[in-house]
N, C-alpha and C. Protein backbone atom coordinates (compact mmCIF):
# COMPACT_ATOMS: atom_id res chain seq x y z
N MET A 1 20.46 -13.05 -22.12
CA MET A 1 21.16 -14.18 -21.54
C MET A 1 22.02 -13.75 -20.34
N LYS A 2 22.65 -12.58 -20.48
CA LYS A 2 23.49 -12.07 -19.40
C LYS A 2 22.68 -11.87 -18.12
N GLU A 3 21.43 -11.39 -18.29
CA GLU A 3 20.57 -11.16 -17.12
C GLU A 3 20.29 -12.47 -16.39
N LEU A 4 20.07 -13.55 -17.14
CA LEU A 4 19.80 -14.85 -16.52
C LEU A 4 21.01 -15.32 -15.71
N ILE A 5 22.19 -15.15 -16.27
CA ILE A 5 23.41 -15.58 -15.58
C ILE A 5 23.61 -14.76 -14.31
N GLU A 6 23.38 -13.46 -14.40
CA GLU A 6 23.52 -12.60 -13.21
C GLU A 6 22.48 -12.97 -12.15
N LEU A 7 21.27 -13.25 -12.60
CA LEU A 7 20.21 -13.63 -11.67
C LEU A 7 20.52 -14.97 -11.02
N GLN A 8 21.07 -15.90 -11.77
CA GLN A 8 21.48 -17.19 -11.20
C GLN A 8 22.52 -16.98 -10.10
N ALA A 9 23.46 -16.09 -10.33
CA ALA A 9 24.48 -15.81 -9.31
C ALA A 9 23.85 -15.20 -8.07
N MET A 10 22.89 -14.30 -8.26
CA MET A 10 22.20 -13.69 -7.12
C MET A 10 21.42 -14.74 -6.33
N ILE A 11 20.79 -15.67 -7.06
CA ILE A 11 20.03 -16.74 -6.41
C ILE A 11 20.96 -17.61 -5.56
N GLU A 12 22.09 -17.99 -6.12
CA GLU A 12 23.03 -18.81 -5.36
C GLU A 12 23.56 -18.10 -4.13
N LYS A 13 23.83 -16.81 -4.27
CA LYS A 13 24.30 -16.01 -3.14
C LYS A 13 23.23 -15.95 -2.04
N MET A 14 21.99 -15.71 -2.45
CA MET A 14 20.89 -15.62 -1.49
C MET A 14 20.63 -16.97 -0.84
N ARG A 15 20.74 -18.04 -1.61
CA ARG A 15 20.54 -19.38 -1.06
C ARG A 15 21.60 -19.68 0.00
N ASP A 16 22.85 -19.32 -0.29
CA ASP A 16 23.93 -19.51 0.69
C ASP A 16 23.68 -18.69 1.95
N LYS A 17 23.24 -17.44 1.75
CA LYS A 17 22.95 -16.57 2.89
C LYS A 17 21.82 -17.15 3.74
N LEU A 18 20.78 -17.65 3.09
CA LEU A 18 19.66 -18.25 3.81
C LEU A 18 20.12 -19.44 4.63
N HIS A 19 20.93 -20.31 4.04
CA HIS A 19 21.43 -21.47 4.78
C HIS A 19 22.27 -21.04 5.98
N GLU A 20 23.08 -20.02 5.78
CA GLU A 20 23.94 -19.52 6.86
C GLU A 20 23.09 -18.97 8.01
N ILE A 21 22.08 -18.20 7.68
CA ILE A 21 21.21 -17.63 8.72
C ILE A 21 20.42 -18.72 9.42
N ALA A 22 19.87 -19.65 8.64
CA ALA A 22 18.97 -20.66 9.19
C ALA A 22 19.67 -21.69 10.08
N LYS A 23 20.97 -21.87 9.89
CA LYS A 23 21.64 -22.90 10.70
C LYS A 23 21.73 -22.52 12.17
N ASP A 24 21.65 -21.22 12.48
CA ASP A 24 21.76 -20.77 13.86
C ASP A 24 20.45 -20.28 14.46
N LYS A 25 19.39 -20.28 13.65
CA LYS A 25 18.12 -19.72 14.13
C LYS A 25 16.97 -20.65 13.81
N SER A 26 15.86 -20.38 14.43
CA SER A 26 14.63 -21.10 14.14
C SER A 26 14.16 -20.75 12.73
N LEU A 27 13.53 -21.68 12.07
CA LEU A 27 13.02 -21.42 10.72
C LEU A 27 11.90 -20.39 10.71
N THR A 28 11.34 -20.09 11.87
CA THR A 28 10.30 -19.07 11.95
C THR A 28 10.85 -17.71 12.39
N ASP A 29 12.14 -17.63 12.62
CA ASP A 29 12.78 -16.36 12.96
C ASP A 29 12.58 -15.38 11.80
N MET A 30 12.28 -14.13 12.13
CA MET A 30 11.97 -13.13 11.09
C MET A 30 13.11 -12.94 10.09
N GLU A 31 14.34 -13.04 10.53
CA GLU A 31 15.46 -12.88 9.61
C GLU A 31 15.51 -14.03 8.59
N VAL A 32 15.21 -15.23 9.05
CA VAL A 32 15.15 -16.39 8.16
C VAL A 32 13.99 -16.25 7.19
N VAL A 33 12.85 -15.84 7.71
CA VAL A 33 11.66 -15.67 6.86
C VAL A 33 11.92 -14.61 5.79
N ARG A 34 12.52 -13.48 6.17
CA ARG A 34 12.82 -12.42 5.19
C ARG A 34 13.79 -12.90 4.12
N ALA A 35 14.80 -13.63 4.52
CA ALA A 35 15.77 -14.15 3.54
C ALA A 35 15.09 -15.14 2.60
N SER A 36 14.22 -15.96 3.14
CA SER A 36 13.47 -16.91 2.32
C SER A 36 12.56 -16.19 1.33
N GLN A 37 11.92 -15.13 1.79
CA GLN A 37 11.05 -14.35 0.91
C GLN A 37 11.85 -13.67 -0.20
N MET A 38 13.03 -13.18 0.14
CA MET A 38 13.88 -12.55 -0.87
C MET A 38 14.31 -13.58 -1.92
N LEU A 39 14.63 -14.78 -1.46
CA LEU A 39 14.99 -15.84 -2.39
C LEU A 39 13.80 -16.20 -3.28
N ASP A 40 12.62 -16.24 -2.71
CA ASP A 40 11.41 -16.51 -3.50
C ASP A 40 11.22 -15.48 -4.60
N VAL A 41 11.45 -14.22 -4.28
CA VAL A 41 11.31 -13.15 -5.28
C VAL A 41 12.29 -13.38 -6.43
N LEU A 42 13.53 -13.69 -6.09
CA LEU A 42 14.53 -13.93 -7.12
C LEU A 42 14.18 -15.15 -7.97
N LEU A 43 13.71 -16.21 -7.33
CA LEU A 43 13.33 -17.41 -8.07
C LEU A 43 12.13 -17.15 -8.98
N ASN A 44 11.17 -16.37 -8.51
CA ASN A 44 10.02 -16.02 -9.34
C ASN A 44 10.45 -15.19 -10.54
N GLU A 45 11.36 -14.25 -10.31
CA GLU A 45 11.86 -13.42 -11.40
C GLU A 45 12.60 -14.28 -12.43
N TYR A 46 13.39 -15.22 -11.96
CA TYR A 46 14.12 -16.13 -12.83
C TYR A 46 13.15 -16.96 -13.67
N GLN A 47 12.14 -17.50 -13.01
CA GLN A 47 11.13 -18.31 -13.71
C GLN A 47 10.42 -17.48 -14.77
N GLN A 48 10.10 -16.25 -14.46
CA GLN A 48 9.42 -15.35 -15.41
C GLN A 48 10.33 -15.07 -16.61
N MET A 49 11.61 -14.84 -16.34
CA MET A 49 12.54 -14.58 -17.43
C MET A 49 12.64 -15.80 -18.36
N LEU A 50 12.70 -16.99 -17.77
CA LEU A 50 12.76 -18.20 -18.58
C LEU A 50 11.49 -18.36 -19.42
N LYS A 51 10.37 -18.09 -18.80
CA LYS A 51 9.07 -18.21 -19.50
C LYS A 51 9.02 -17.24 -20.68
N ASN A 52 9.46 -16.02 -20.47
CA ASN A 52 9.44 -15.02 -21.54
C ASN A 52 10.44 -15.35 -22.65
N LYS A 53 11.55 -15.97 -22.28
CA LYS A 53 12.57 -16.34 -23.26
C LYS A 53 12.09 -17.45 -24.17
N ILE A 54 11.29 -18.37 -23.64
CA ILE A 54 10.78 -19.51 -24.40
C ILE A 54 9.75 -19.07 -25.43
N LYS A 55 9.00 -18.04 -25.12
CA LYS A 55 7.94 -17.57 -26.04
C LYS A 55 8.49 -17.06 -27.33
């Protein structure tokens, strides 16, 4: 359970960072794309943890 809470905090932090970067740059800017990809990785990990917890 602790891992899920920590991962949720990381996701929120990354989401905030992505919004901050994207407000000043094009959505196709490499920095925006990298931040988006990092957020995707965290979200996928979170989804996997939830899936494994339900089993």
